Protein backbone atom coordinates (compact mmCIF):
# COMPACT_ATOMS: atom_id res chain seq x y z
CA MET A 1 140.46 78.04 99.30
CA ILE A 2 137.14 79.29 100.70
CA GLN A 3 135.59 75.86 100.42
CA ARG A 4 138.27 74.39 102.55
CA LEU A 5 137.63 77.18 105.11
CA ARG A 6 133.91 76.74 105.37
CA PRO A 7 133.96 73.82 107.96
CA VAL A 8 136.51 75.79 109.98
CA ILE A 9 134.34 78.94 109.97
CA ALA A 10 131.30 76.97 110.74
CA GLY A 11 133.03 75.26 113.79
CA LEU A 12 134.40 78.67 114.98
CA ALA A 13 130.98 80.13 114.81
CA LEU A 14 129.48 77.35 116.88
CA ILE A 15 132.37 77.47 119.49
CA ALA A 16 131.97 81.07 119.80
CA ALA A 17 128.29 80.92 120.38
CA LEU A 18 128.73 78.21 122.99
CA ALA A 19 131.93 79.41 124.69
CA PRO A 20 131.84 81.24 128.05
CA GLY A 21 132.29 84.96 127.80
CA PRO A 22 130.23 87.92 126.87
CA VAL A 23 126.74 86.79 126.09
CA LEU A 24 125.52 88.14 122.74
CA ALA A 25 122.05 89.59 122.49
CA ASP A 26 119.33 87.36 121.23
CA GLU A 27 117.86 88.23 117.79
CA GLN A 28 114.08 89.25 117.86
CA VAL A 29 111.94 89.01 114.73
CA LEU A 30 108.37 90.05 114.59
CA ILE A 31 106.14 87.15 113.48
CA CYS A 32 102.64 87.88 112.05
CA TYR A 33 99.60 85.66 112.57
CA ASN A 34 95.74 85.54 112.88
CA TYR A 35 95.55 86.56 109.18
CA GLY A 36 96.58 89.73 107.55
CA CYS A 37 99.22 90.40 110.27
CA LEU A 38 96.41 91.13 112.76
CA VAL A 39 98.84 90.17 115.57
CA GLU A 40 102.52 90.67 115.65
CA ALA A 41 104.63 89.26 118.34
CA GLU A 42 108.48 88.88 118.92
CA ALA A 43 110.11 85.56 118.47
CA ARG A 44 113.57 85.37 119.99
CA PHE A 45 116.44 83.35 118.60
CA SER A 46 119.36 82.67 120.83
CA GLU A 47 122.90 83.04 119.59
CA ALA A 48 123.42 79.21 120.03
CA GLN A 49 120.33 78.72 117.76
CA LEU A 50 121.68 81.24 115.29
CA ALA A 51 125.18 79.69 115.23
CA GLU A 52 123.49 76.40 114.39
CA VAL A 53 121.75 78.01 111.40
CA ALA A 54 124.96 79.79 110.39
CA ALA A 55 126.90 76.44 110.30
CA ARG A 56 124.18 74.88 108.10
CA LEU A 57 124.18 77.81 105.72
CA LEU A 58 127.94 77.99 105.51
CA ARG A 59 127.86 74.39 103.98
CA ALA A 60 126.26 75.97 100.82
CA ASP A 61 128.75 75.96 97.87
CA SER A 62 126.19 77.21 95.20
CA GLU A 63 122.94 79.08 94.66
CA VAL A 64 121.14 75.77 94.38
CA ALA A 65 122.53 74.45 97.68
CA GLU A 66 121.88 77.68 99.54
CA ARG A 67 118.18 77.61 98.53
CA ALA A 68 117.82 74.02 99.70
CA ILE A 69 119.45 74.84 102.94
CA VAL A 70 117.43 78.07 103.40
CA ALA A 71 114.21 76.06 102.87
CA GLN A 72 115.14 73.79 105.77
CA VAL A 73 116.46 76.59 108.07
CA LEU A 74 113.13 78.52 107.62
CA GLY A 75 111.33 75.41 108.91
CA GLN A 76 113.60 75.23 111.95
CA LEU A 77 113.21 79.02 112.59
CA TYR A 78 109.39 78.55 112.50
CA ARG A 79 109.49 75.53 114.80
CA TRP A 80 111.63 77.65 117.40
CA ALA A 81 109.14 80.55 116.97
CA GLY A 82 106.17 78.21 117.49
CA GLU A 83 107.73 77.11 120.93
CA GLN A 84 107.14 80.92 121.90
CA LEU A 85 104.08 81.95 119.95
CA PRO A 86 100.81 80.19 119.14
CA ILE A 87 101.87 79.81 115.43
CA SER A 88 102.35 76.02 115.99
CA ALA A 89 98.67 75.81 115.50
CA ASP A 90 99.10 76.85 111.76
CA ARG A 91 98.16 74.38 109.09
CA PRO A 92 98.64 74.31 105.38
CA GLY A 93 96.50 76.80 103.35
CA ASP A 94 93.88 78.95 104.86
CA TYR A 95 91.01 76.54 105.94
CA LEU A 96 92.50 73.78 107.97
CA ASP A 97 93.23 76.03 111.01
CA PHE A 98 90.41 78.62 110.42
CA GLY A 99 89.46 80.14 113.78
CA GLU A 100 92.67 78.90 115.70
CA ASN A 101 94.77 81.46 117.57
CA GLY A 102 98.14 81.31 115.64
CA MET A 103 96.59 80.60 112.19
CA MET A 104 98.66 82.23 109.36
CA ASP A 105 97.52 83.29 105.94
CA CYS A 106 99.80 83.94 103.02
CA ILE A 107 100.19 87.49 104.05
CA ASP A 108 101.43 86.47 107.54
CA HIS A 109 103.79 83.92 105.95
CA ALA A 110 105.06 86.31 103.37
CA THR A 111 105.69 89.00 105.79
CA SER A 112 107.21 86.76 108.60
CA THR A 113 109.45 84.73 106.06
CA THR A 114 110.80 88.02 104.62
CA ARG A 115 111.72 89.32 108.03
CA LEU A 116 113.38 85.88 108.83
CA LEU A 117 115.24 86.07 105.59
CA LEU A 118 116.34 89.77 106.30
CA MET A 119 117.61 88.56 109.66
CA LEU A 120 119.73 85.98 107.87
CA GLU A 121 120.90 88.51 105.25
CA GLU A 122 121.86 91.13 107.93
CA ARG A 123 124.00 88.53 109.71
CA GLY A 124 125.81 87.83 106.40
CA LEU A 125 124.55 84.23 106.18
CA LEU A 126 123.04 84.59 102.65
CA ARG A 127 126.15 84.46 100.48
CA PHE A 128 124.52 83.65 97.09
CA HIS A 129 121.14 85.43 97.46
CA ALA A 130 119.61 88.76 98.43
CA VAL A 131 116.14 89.34 99.82
CA ASP A 132 113.79 91.08 97.42
CA PRO A 133 110.33 92.66 98.24
CA ILE A 134 107.22 90.40 98.84
CA ARG A 135 105.45 89.55 95.50
CA ARG A 136 101.77 88.93 94.80
CA ARG A 137 100.20 86.77 92.30
CA VAL A 138 96.63 87.27 91.10
CA ARG A 139 94.64 84.51 89.34
CA TRP A 140 91.00 84.43 88.29
CA LEU A 141 90.56 88.16 89.11
CA VAL A 142 89.98 87.62 92.87
CA ALA A 143 92.36 84.91 94.00
CA GLN A 144 95.75 86.37 95.12
CA HIS A 145 98.57 84.93 97.07
CA PHE A 146 101.83 86.47 98.48
CA SER A 147 105.36 85.12 99.06
CA ALA A 148 108.81 86.11 100.16
CA VAL A 149 111.37 86.22 97.36
CA LEU A 150 115.10 85.62 97.15
CA ARG A 151 117.24 86.91 94.15
CA GLU A 152 120.42 85.28 93.13
CA ARG A 153 123.33 87.77 93.59
CA GLY A 154 125.30 86.83 90.55
CA THR A 155 129.06 86.57 90.61
CA ASP A 156 132.12 88.53 89.50
CA ASP A 157 132.09 86.71 86.37
CA ALA A 158 128.32 87.33 85.78
CA PRO A 159 127.38 90.38 87.66
CA GLY A 160 123.97 91.91 87.63
CA GLU A 161 120.55 90.67 88.68
CA GLY A 162 120.10 86.99 89.02
CA ALA A 163 117.14 84.75 88.94
CA ARG A 164 114.38 85.16 91.54
CA PHE A 165 112.69 82.55 93.50
CA ALA A 166 109.46 82.53 95.60
CA VAL A 167 110.21 81.16 99.16
CA ASP A 168 106.74 80.13 100.40
CA THR A 169 106.20 78.72 103.90
CA TRP A 170 102.29 78.84 103.51
CA PHE A 171 101.89 75.44 101.79
CA GLY A 172 103.20 73.18 104.53
CA GLU A 173 102.49 72.20 107.92
CA HIS A 174 104.00 74.41 110.66
CA GLY A 175 107.84 74.01 110.64
CA ASP A 176 107.97 72.22 107.29
CA PRO A 177 110.76 73.43 105.00
CA ALA A 178 109.74 76.25 102.57
CA VAL A 179 108.61 75.58 99.04
CA VAL A 180 111.25 77.26 96.83
CA LEU A 181 110.17 77.77 93.20
CA PRO A 182 111.39 80.07 90.34
CA LEU A 183 109.39 83.20 90.69
CA GLU A 184 107.86 82.95 87.22
CA ASP A 185 106.66 79.36 87.90
CA TRP A 186 105.06 80.53 91.28
CA LEU A 187 103.41 83.52 89.43
CA ASP A 188 102.00 80.99 87.02
CA GLY A 189 100.22 79.26 89.95
CA GLU A 190 102.89 76.49 90.77
CA GLY A 191 103.12 75.05 94.11
CA PRO A 192 101.49 72.28 96.32
CA ASP A 193 97.72 71.92 95.91
CA VAL A 194 96.27 73.49 99.11
CA SER A 195 93.62 76.20 99.73
């Protein structure tokens, strides 16, 4: 029944956002950049943009599908934020953009991505996952890396804590989809080879 209603709900959300009438307030999210959250600035997302995101997320019919859509949605949210903030200068890793205003290290990405995920969660758009605290991995004593984390909610048939996944936007070019990996794999150093 719910699956048959998803396209209807998504269509109604889009119509409501585009229809004349009372204007809903934009959503503002603090985005970190220039390494270590040295700078924080608000990115604004319009109700029309968020309705587009909602329609995409409502297509998810499983945890796997929701993670795939979340990865794409995060890329879009970063592209929209990059139209307002200098973060469009960000490049993969930490060295390709060093010295550029808008560069982002893993702390900036983990913090900003967690805030974006919390915005989606607070709007009820994450049906299969909950946002967990940022995680840190340490390798070779001094090398550390941070990531946002999603946890599967579980179901009525299988309540409890579900699997956790690193949601890492640091690996790609600005606006690329997030890399989503099982948290244990990410903690073991998995992910694209960038520095």
